[in-house]
Amino acid sequence: MTSVRYAGSPLDTEAPLSVALVGCVDDAHQADDLGALAAALGKRGHAVTAYIRHQGEQTLSAAGYQVHAIGLGRAAPVPAGDALAASGELAAALEDAWRHAVPDVVHAYGWLPGVAAQLAARRHRLPTVQSFHGVAAPAGPTADRARLETALARGAAWVTVASSADLEVLSRVRHNRSSVSLVPAGVDAERFAATAERAVDPHCRIGCLAPNDRLYEDVSRVLRVLPALGDSRLVVGTTGPAGRPDGADRKALQQLAAELGVAHRVTCLGHLRTDDVAKALRGVDVLVSTPTAAPDPGVVLAAMAGGVAVVAHDVDALADVVIHDVTGFLVPPHDVRELTVALKRLQSETFRREGMGAAGRTRARSRYSWDQIAVDVESAYRQAVRATI
């Protein structure tokens, strides 16, 4: 079915848009981010419907945007090679929904929603915005995923990426940079703000909150430098989908801590939900984030919003978020010496640590608030509409 669309109001920079957000929510963090963006766009006057591949019923959220849960079973990850087959049913559901409520623009997060959204949008002649994250990872995507991402990037009216590194990659894929924009991750600064003065503790408390599929990889790096950090304490927590097994990693980390003689200086908080992350960050003086590729900067942004200084690997989105020697320190991946030096400086220089925390809080609120991200996303929407009409 071809929908009749008028070229007037969507082009007006003041006119509200009808927006279809398409995503697969397979963990609480993704759900929080999608909901936060939808709410921020709603505050700007846009009519937003989030189409989620999950079991449920259509409801009106308290934040003032629609949630349309498409009942295609559990929202489990799908291999890139199976994306075309898996996306067919989702595309059919979207096409049916848009017969009754035609959006001005369609915004897809991830490649599976992207395939379905572009299939359904093409039938209605709707402009699409495709968001990517982590395409510049050094290991690179699988061959299937690389082909799929190339097709999605070239098929969308506009593309957004989460880091400067991704911007370079997608600009080459599309053969120009004019229809690709950088839209970073956002943070709810109020949710992660420090609620009171930090408790006085004679020991520097270093936090390492790692995704549960990278628990050993990330935490072991910090554990190995802990003996060089005087009497500093290490606070460990895991993020990511609940229920993902990480028992073997926990056991290996406990053994490593014992071998290094620092087990008594390590506290493990277990799996953390979003509110748990906020509480954990209020109990540390420094956050360290040491992924080697495609990091989700969410925890780093949360730490900055709470006034916590950050030591992070100089990769992908983290290289954009953390301003070296201002909001924290950026260190090269696998450089144990630089990681140790950075942590030692923050351990011993309380004034520097607090100053970096204050600078990070200002940066998180001004550049990465969801209100600001909504402004960036709205600009991409209007560019996509202009490119399509």
Protein backbone atom coordinates (compact mmCIF):
# COMPACT_ATOMS: atom_id res chain seq x y z
CA MET A 1 0.00 0.00 0.00
CA THR A 2 1.34 3.45 -0.91
CA SER A 3 0.55 6.17 1.60
CA VAL A 4 -0.10 9.75 0.51
CA ARG A 5 2.27 12.12 2.32
CA TYR A 6 2.35 15.89 2.06
CA ALA A 7 5.59 17.82 1.70
CA GLY A 8 4.65 20.67 3.98
CA SER A 9 4.82 20.16 7.72
CA PRO A 10 7.66 17.59 8.04
CA LEU A 11 9.98 20.07 6.30
CA ASP A 12 9.03 22.86 8.68
CA THR A 13 11.77 23.00 11.32
CA GLU A 14 9.16 23.97 13.91
CA ALA A 15 6.53 21.40 13.01
CA PRO A 16 6.26 18.28 15.18
CA LEU A 17 6.98 14.95 13.53
CA SER A 18 5.34 11.56 13.80
CA VAL A 19 8.25 9.22 14.60
CA ALA A 20 8.47 5.42 14.51
CA LEU A 21 11.35 4.09 16.64
CA VAL A 22 12.12 0.44 15.84
CA GLY A 23 14.31 -1.64 18.15
CA CYS A 24 14.92 -4.99 19.81
CA VAL A 25 15.08 -4.67 23.56
CA ASP A 26 17.09 -7.57 24.95
CA ASP A 27 18.40 -5.94 28.12
CA ALA A 28 17.36 -3.27 30.58
CA HIS A 29 20.01 -0.80 29.41
CA GLN A 30 18.74 -0.86 25.83
CA ALA A 31 15.19 -0.43 27.08
CA ASP A 32 16.23 2.54 29.21
CA ASP A 33 18.02 4.22 26.30
CA LEU A 34 15.19 3.73 23.83
CA GLY A 35 12.66 4.98 26.37
CA ALA A 36 14.79 7.98 27.29
CA LEU A 37 15.14 9.04 23.66
CA ALA A 38 11.43 8.59 23.02
CA ALA A 39 10.58 10.64 26.11
CA ALA A 40 13.00 13.43 25.15
CA LEU A 41 11.57 13.59 21.63
CA GLY A 42 8.08 13.66 23.13
CA LYS A 43 9.07 16.65 25.28
CA ARG A 44 9.98 18.45 22.07
CA GLY A 45 6.43 17.94 20.81
CA HIS A 46 6.92 14.95 18.52
CA ALA A 47 4.49 12.03 18.43
CA VAL A 48 6.68 8.98 19.06
CA THR A 49 5.80 5.29 18.86
CA ALA A 50 8.45 2.75 19.87
CA TYR A 51 8.00 -0.55 18.01
CA ILE A 52 9.66 -3.26 20.08
CA ARG A 53 10.21 -6.88 19.07
CA HIS A 54 8.93 -8.43 22.27
CA GLN A 55 5.84 -9.98 23.83
CA GLY A 56 3.34 -7.51 25.20
CA GLU A 57 0.48 -5.17 24.43
CA GLN A 58 0.36 -1.63 23.10
CA THR A 59 0.33 0.87 25.94
CA LEU A 60 0.75 4.59 26.52
CA SER A 61 3.78 5.10 28.76
CA ALA A 62 3.89 7.59 31.59
CA ALA A 63 6.54 9.47 29.63
CA GLY A 64 4.02 10.36 26.92
CA TYR A 65 5.03 8.16 24.02
CA GLN A 66 3.45 5.05 22.55
CA VAL A 67 4.94 1.58 22.95
CA HIS A 68 3.88 -1.00 20.38
CA ALA A 69 5.19 -4.41 21.46
CA ILE A 70 5.22 -6.79 18.50
CA GLY A 71 4.65 -10.33 19.73
CA LEU A 72 7.29 -12.31 17.86
CA GLY A 73 8.56 -14.23 20.86
CA ARG A 74 11.43 -13.43 23.17
CA ALA A 75 13.66 -10.64 21.90
CA ALA A 76 16.74 -12.85 21.65
CA PRO A 77 19.80 -11.95 19.56
CA VAL A 78 19.66 -13.19 15.96
CA PRO A 79 22.80 -14.09 13.94
CA ALA A 80 23.45 -11.71 11.06
CA GLY A 81 23.16 -14.56 8.56
CA ASP A 82 19.57 -15.19 9.69
CA ALA A 83 18.54 -11.53 9.74
CA LEU A 84 16.65 -11.49 6.45
CA ALA A 85 14.52 -14.48 7.42
CA ALA A 86 13.99 -13.22 10.97
CA SER A 87 13.08 -9.73 9.84
CA GLY A 88 10.23 -10.78 7.54
CA GLU A 89 7.63 -11.20 10.26
CA LEU A 90 8.69 -7.98 11.98
CA ALA A 91 8.53 -6.10 8.66
CA ALA A 92 5.03 -7.44 8.03
CA ALA A 93 3.89 -6.28 11.48
CA LEU A 94 5.38 -2.83 10.91
CA GLU A 95 3.82 -2.52 7.48
CA ASP A 96 0.42 -3.42 8.92
CA ALA A 97 0.78 -0.92 11.77
CA TRP A 98 1.75 1.86 9.37
CA ARG A 99 -1.34 1.31 7.26
CA HIS A 100 -3.31 2.78 10.15
CA ALA A 101 -0.80 5.30 11.54
CA VAL A 102 1.68 6.56 8.95
CA PRO A 103 4.82 8.12 10.51
CA ASP A 104 6.77 10.98 8.98
CA VAL A 105 10.07 9.21 9.61
CA VAL A 106 11.27 5.75 10.70
CA HIS A 107 14.30 5.37 12.98
CA ALA A 108 15.86 1.91 13.44
CA TYR A 109 18.41 0.82 16.05
CA GLY A 110 20.53 -2.19 15.09
CA TRP A 111 20.67 -4.28 11.96
CA LEU A 112 17.69 -6.61 12.55
CA PRO A 113 15.26 -3.74 13.20
CA GLY A 114 16.98 -1.91 10.35
CA VAL A 115 16.25 -4.63 7.81
CA ALA A 116 12.61 -4.86 8.89
CA ALA A 117 12.16 -1.09 9.04
CA GLN A 118 13.59 -0.52 5.57
CA LEU A 119 11.47 -3.28 4.06
CA ALA A 120 8.27 -1.88 5.59
CA ALA A 121 9.19 1.77 4.99
CA ARG A 122 9.96 1.14 1.31
CA ARG A 123 6.41 -0.06 0.74
CA HIS A 124 5.05 3.14 2.28
CA ARG A 125 7.73 5.39 0.76
CA LEU A 126 8.84 6.58 4.18
CA PRO A 127 12.25 8.10 4.98
CA THR A 128 14.44 5.95 7.23
CA VAL A 129 17.20 6.82 9.68
CA GLN A 130 19.56 3.96 10.59
CA SER A 131 21.68 4.05 13.77
CA PHE A 132 24.92 2.10 14.08
CA HIS A 133 27.23 1.39 17.01
CA GLY A 134 30.66 -0.24 17.01
CA VAL A 135 31.22 -0.67 13.27
CA ALA A 136 34.81 0.58 13.68
CA ALA A 137 35.77 -2.23 16.07
CA PRO A 138 39.31 -3.44 15.22
CA ALA A 139 38.20 -7.08 15.04
CA GLY A 140 35.59 -6.03 12.48
CA PRO A 141 32.13 -7.49 12.00
CA THR A 142 31.49 -10.92 10.55
CA ALA A 143 31.25 -11.15 6.77
CA ASP A 144 27.46 -11.53 7.00
CA ARG A 145 27.12 -8.55 9.31
CA ALA A 146 29.48 -6.41 7.20
CA ARG A 147 27.40 -7.03 4.07
CA LEU A 148 24.20 -6.33 5.96
CA GLU A 149 25.50 -3.10 7.48
CA THR A 150 26.69 -1.90 4.09
CA ALA A 151 23.26 -2.53 2.56
CA LEU A 152 21.50 -0.82 5.47
CA ALA A 153 23.82 2.19 5.40
CA ARG A 154 23.30 2.70 1.69
CA GLY A 155 19.55 2.08 1.86
CA ALA A 156 18.78 4.61 4.60
CA ALA A 157 18.00 8.24 3.87
CA TRP A 158 20.21 9.22 6.79
CA VAL A 159 22.67 7.39 9.07
CA THR A 160 23.70 8.17 12.65
CA VAL A 161 26.75 6.74 14.38
CA ALA A 162 27.84 6.72 18.01
CA SER A 163 31.52 7.64 17.66
CA SER A 164 33.97 9.55 15.49
CA ALA A 165 35.61 6.25 14.52
CA ASP A 166 32.26 4.90 13.30
CA LEU A 167 31.71 8.15 11.40
CA GLU A 168 34.85 7.56 9.35
CA VAL A 169 33.86 3.97 8.52
CA LEU A 170 30.26 4.74 7.53
CA SER A 171 31.28 7.79 5.49
CA ARG A 172 33.45 5.50 3.39
CA VAL A 173 30.65 2.94 3.07
CA ARG A 174 28.23 5.62 1.80
CA HIS A 175 30.98 7.26 -0.29
CA ASN A 176 30.33 10.63 1.37
CA ARG A 177 29.85 12.21 4.77
CA SER A 178 26.98 14.53 3.88
CA SER A 179 24.25 12.13 5.03
CA VAL A 180 25.97 10.69 8.11
CA SER A 181 25.93 12.41 11.50
CA LEU A 182 27.42 11.70 14.90
CA VAL A 183 24.76 11.18 17.57
CA PRO A 184 26.40 9.91 20.76
CA ALA A 185 24.90 7.90 23.57
CA GLY A 186 22.90 9.81 26.15
CA VAL A 187 22.70 9.79 29.92
CA ASP A 188 20.06 10.66 32.50
CA ALA A 189 22.23 13.04 34.50
CA GLU A 190 19.69 13.43 37.31
CA ARG A 191 19.42 9.68 37.81
CA PHE A 192 23.16 9.30 38.35
CA ALA A 193 23.85 12.56 40.18
CA ALA A 194 25.58 12.27 43.53
CA THR A 195 22.92 12.62 46.23
CA ALA A 196 25.23 13.71 49.05
CA GLU A 197 28.86 14.25 49.93
CA ARG A 198 30.88 11.09 49.32
CA ALA A 199 31.69 9.17 52.48
CA VAL A 200 35.19 9.87 53.77
CA ASP A 201 37.38 6.83 53.14
CA PRO A 202 41.15 6.71 53.61
CA HIS A 203 41.43 4.34 50.67
CA CYS A 204 40.95 5.31 47.02
CA ARG A 205 38.03 3.26 45.72
CA ILE A 206 38.36 2.21 42.08
CA GLY A 207 35.24 0.98 40.31
CA CYS A 208 35.25 -1.46 37.40
CA LEU A 209 31.73 -2.18 36.12
CA ALA A 210 32.10 -4.51 33.16
CA PRO A 211 29.60 -6.18 30.81
CA ASN A 212 29.11 -9.77 31.91
CA ASP A 213 30.36 -11.08 28.56
CA ARG A 214 33.67 -9.25 29.15
CA LEU A 215 33.96 -9.65 32.91
CA TYR A 216 37.30 -11.45 33.12
CA GLU A 217 38.86 -9.55 30.22
CA ASP A 218 38.15 -6.11 31.69
CA VAL A 219 38.53 -6.74 35.42
CA SER A 220 41.70 -8.83 35.17
CA ARG A 221 43.52 -5.85 33.61
CA VAL A 222 42.75 -3.73 36.66
CA LEU A 223 43.45 -6.54 39.12
CA ARG A 224 46.96 -6.95 37.73
CA VAL A 225 47.85 -3.32 38.47
CA LEU A 226 46.16 -3.21 41.89
CA PRO A 227 49.33 -4.37 43.75
CA ALA A 228 51.06 -1.21 42.47
CA LEU A 229 48.31 1.07 43.81
CA GLY A 230 49.14 1.07 47.50
CA ASP A 231 46.09 0.29 49.61
CA SER A 232 43.48 1.22 46.98
CA ARG A 233 40.29 -0.84 46.89
CA LEU A 234 38.65 -2.32 43.79
CA VAL A 235 34.86 -2.48 43.48
CA VAL A 236 33.65 -4.88 40.77
CA GLY A 237 30.19 -5.21 39.24
CA THR A 238 28.69 -6.66 36.07
CA THR A 239 26.26 -5.05 33.68
CA GLY A 240 24.38 -6.34 30.66
CA PRO A 241 21.50 -8.81 30.29
CA ALA A 242 20.59 -10.53 33.55
CA GLY A 243 20.95 -14.29 33.59
CA ARG A 244 23.96 -14.48 31.27
CA PRO A 245 26.33 -17.01 32.92
CA ASP A 246 29.56 -15.54 34.27
CA GLY A 247 30.36 -17.97 37.07
CA ALA A 248 33.55 -19.22 35.42
CA ASP A 249 34.84 -15.66 35.05
CA ARG A 250 34.05 -14.85 38.67
CA LYS A 251 35.90 -17.93 39.87
CA ALA A 252 38.92 -17.13 37.69
CA LEU A 253 39.00 -13.54 39.00
CA GLN A 254 38.82 -14.72 42.61
CA GLN A 255 41.75 -17.05 41.95
CA LEU A 256 43.76 -14.27 40.26
CA ALA A 257 43.10 -11.87 43.16
CA ALA A 258 44.30 -14.51 45.61
CA GLU A 259 47.46 -15.15 43.59
CA LEU A 260 48.20 -11.42 43.50
CA GLY A 261 47.60 -11.08 47.24
CA VAL A 262 44.83 -8.49 46.84
CA ALA A 263 41.70 -10.55 47.47
CA HIS A 264 41.02 -8.66 50.72
CA ARG A 265 40.95 -5.38 48.75
CA VAL A 266 38.34 -6.50 46.21
CA THR A 267 34.57 -6.19 46.65
CA CYS A 268 32.24 -7.89 44.15
CA LEU A 269 28.75 -6.41 43.87
CA GLY A 270 27.38 -9.00 41.43
CA HIS A 271 25.03 -8.14 38.58
CA LEU A 272 23.84 -4.52 38.59
CA ARG A 273 20.61 -3.10 37.25
CA THR A 274 20.49 0.57 36.28
CA ASP A 275 19.57 1.82 39.76
CA ASP A 276 22.25 -0.46 41.23
CA VAL A 277 24.82 1.13 38.90
CA ALA A 278 23.89 4.57 40.24
CA LYS A 279 24.35 3.38 43.83
CA ALA A 280 27.65 1.65 43.03
CA LEU A 281 29.08 4.75 41.36
CA ARG A 282 28.30 6.86 44.43
CA GLY A 283 30.63 4.57 46.35
CA VAL A 284 33.75 4.93 44.19
CA ASP A 285 36.30 7.68 43.60
CA VAL A 286 37.48 6.61 40.14
CA LEU A 287 35.89 4.53 37.39
CA VAL A 288 38.12 2.50 35.09
CA SER A 289 36.83 1.19 31.75
CA THR A 290 39.21 -0.99 29.70
CA PRO A 291 37.42 -2.57 26.72
CA THR A 292 39.49 -3.04 23.58
CA ALA A 293 36.74 -2.43 21.02
CA ALA A 294 33.14 -1.24 20.47
CA PRO A 295 32.49 -0.10 24.04
CA ASP A 296 29.10 1.03 25.23
CA PRO A 297 29.97 4.30 27.00
CA GLY A 298 26.85 4.20 29.17
CA VAL A 299 28.62 3.41 32.46
CA VAL A 300 31.35 5.98 31.75
CA LEU A 301 28.72 8.65 31.07
CA ALA A 302 26.89 7.67 34.25
CA ALA A 303 30.12 8.03 36.23
CA MET A 304 30.78 11.44 34.71
CA ALA A 305 27.22 12.55 35.49
CA GLY A 306 27.88 11.57 39.10
CA GLY A 307 31.12 13.54 39.29
CA VAL A 308 33.47 10.53 39.17
CA ALA A 309 36.83 10.83 37.40
CA VAL A 310 37.38 8.24 34.64
CA VAL A 311 40.34 6.25 33.34
CA ALA A 312 39.43 4.63 30.02
CA HIS A 313 40.95 2.99 27.01
CA ASP A 314 41.41 5.35 24.08
CA VAL A 315 39.02 3.49 21.77
CA ASP A 316 35.83 4.19 19.81
CA ALA A 317 33.16 6.13 21.73
CA LEU A 318 35.27 6.39 24.90
CA ALA A 319 37.79 8.50 22.97
CA ASP A 320 34.98 10.97 22.24
CA VAL A 321 33.36 10.97 25.68
CA VAL A 322 36.42 11.34 27.91
CA ILE A 323 38.52 14.49 27.44
CA HIS A 324 42.08 13.50 28.31
CA ASP A 325 43.50 15.32 31.34
CA VAL A 326 40.21 17.19 31.81
CA THR A 327 37.46 14.69 32.72
CA GLY A 328 39.87 11.81 33.23
CA PHE A 329 42.69 9.99 31.48
CA LEU A 330 42.70 8.08 28.20
CA VAL A 331 45.28 5.29 27.94
CA PRO A 332 46.24 3.07 24.99
CA PRO A 333 44.74 -0.45 25.09
CA HIS A 334 47.09 -3.12 26.48
CA ASP A 335 49.46 -0.48 27.90
CA VAL A 336 49.78 -1.64 31.49
CA ARG A 337 52.31 1.04 32.37
CA GLU A 338 50.08 3.93 31.25
CA LEU A 339 47.07 2.43 33.03
CA THR A 340 49.09 2.13 36.23
CA VAL A 341 50.43 5.70 35.98
CA ALA A 342 46.95 7.14 35.39
CA LEU A 343 45.44 5.30 38.35
CA LYS A 344 48.37 6.23 40.60
CA ARG A 345 47.92 9.91 39.78
CA LEU A 346 44.23 9.85 40.64
CA GLN A 347 44.89 7.78 43.74
CA SER A 348 47.36 10.29 45.14
CA GLU A 349 46.00 13.61 43.82
CA THR A 350 42.62 14.16 45.46
CA PHE A 351 42.26 17.72 44.14
CA ARG A 352 42.89 16.60 40.54
CA ARG A 353 40.47 13.71 40.97
CA GLU A 354 37.70 15.96 42.24
CA GLY A 355 38.35 18.56 39.55
CA MET A 356 38.10 15.95 36.82
CA GLY A 357 34.89 14.67 38.38
CA ALA A 358 33.38 18.16 38.34
CA ALA A 359 34.44 18.69 34.71
CA GLY A 360 32.94 15.35 33.77
CA ARG A 361 29.65 16.23 35.44
CA THR A 362 29.45 19.47 33.46
CA ARG A 363 30.26 17.69 30.20
CA ALA A 364 27.72 14.92 30.79
CA ARG A 365 24.96 17.43 31.48
CA SER A 366 25.74 19.79 28.60
CA ARG A 367 26.66 17.40 25.78
CA TYR A 368 25.14 14.04 26.64
CA SER A 369 21.80 14.83 28.27
CA TRP A 370 18.87 13.16 26.53
CA ASP A 371 17.43 16.59 25.77
CA GLN A 372 20.56 17.41 23.75
CA ILE A 373 20.58 14.00 22.07
CA ALA A 374 16.96 14.58 21.03
CA VAL A 375 18.01 17.84 19.33
CA ASP A 376 20.68 15.95 17.37
CA VAL A 377 18.28 13.16 16.43
CA GLU A 378 15.57 15.60 15.36
CA SER A 379 18.07 17.23 13.01
CA ALA A 380 18.77 13.83 11.44
CA TYR A 381 15.04 13.21 11.03
CA ARG A 382 14.47 16.47 9.19
CA GLN A 383 17.47 15.84 6.95
CA ALA A 384 16.07 12.38 6.12
CA VAL A 385 12.67 13.85 5.27
CA ARG A 386 14.27 16.46 3.00
CA ALA A 387 16.32 13.77 1.25
CA THR A 388 13.24 11.64 0.58
CA ILE A 389 10.58 14.14 -0.50
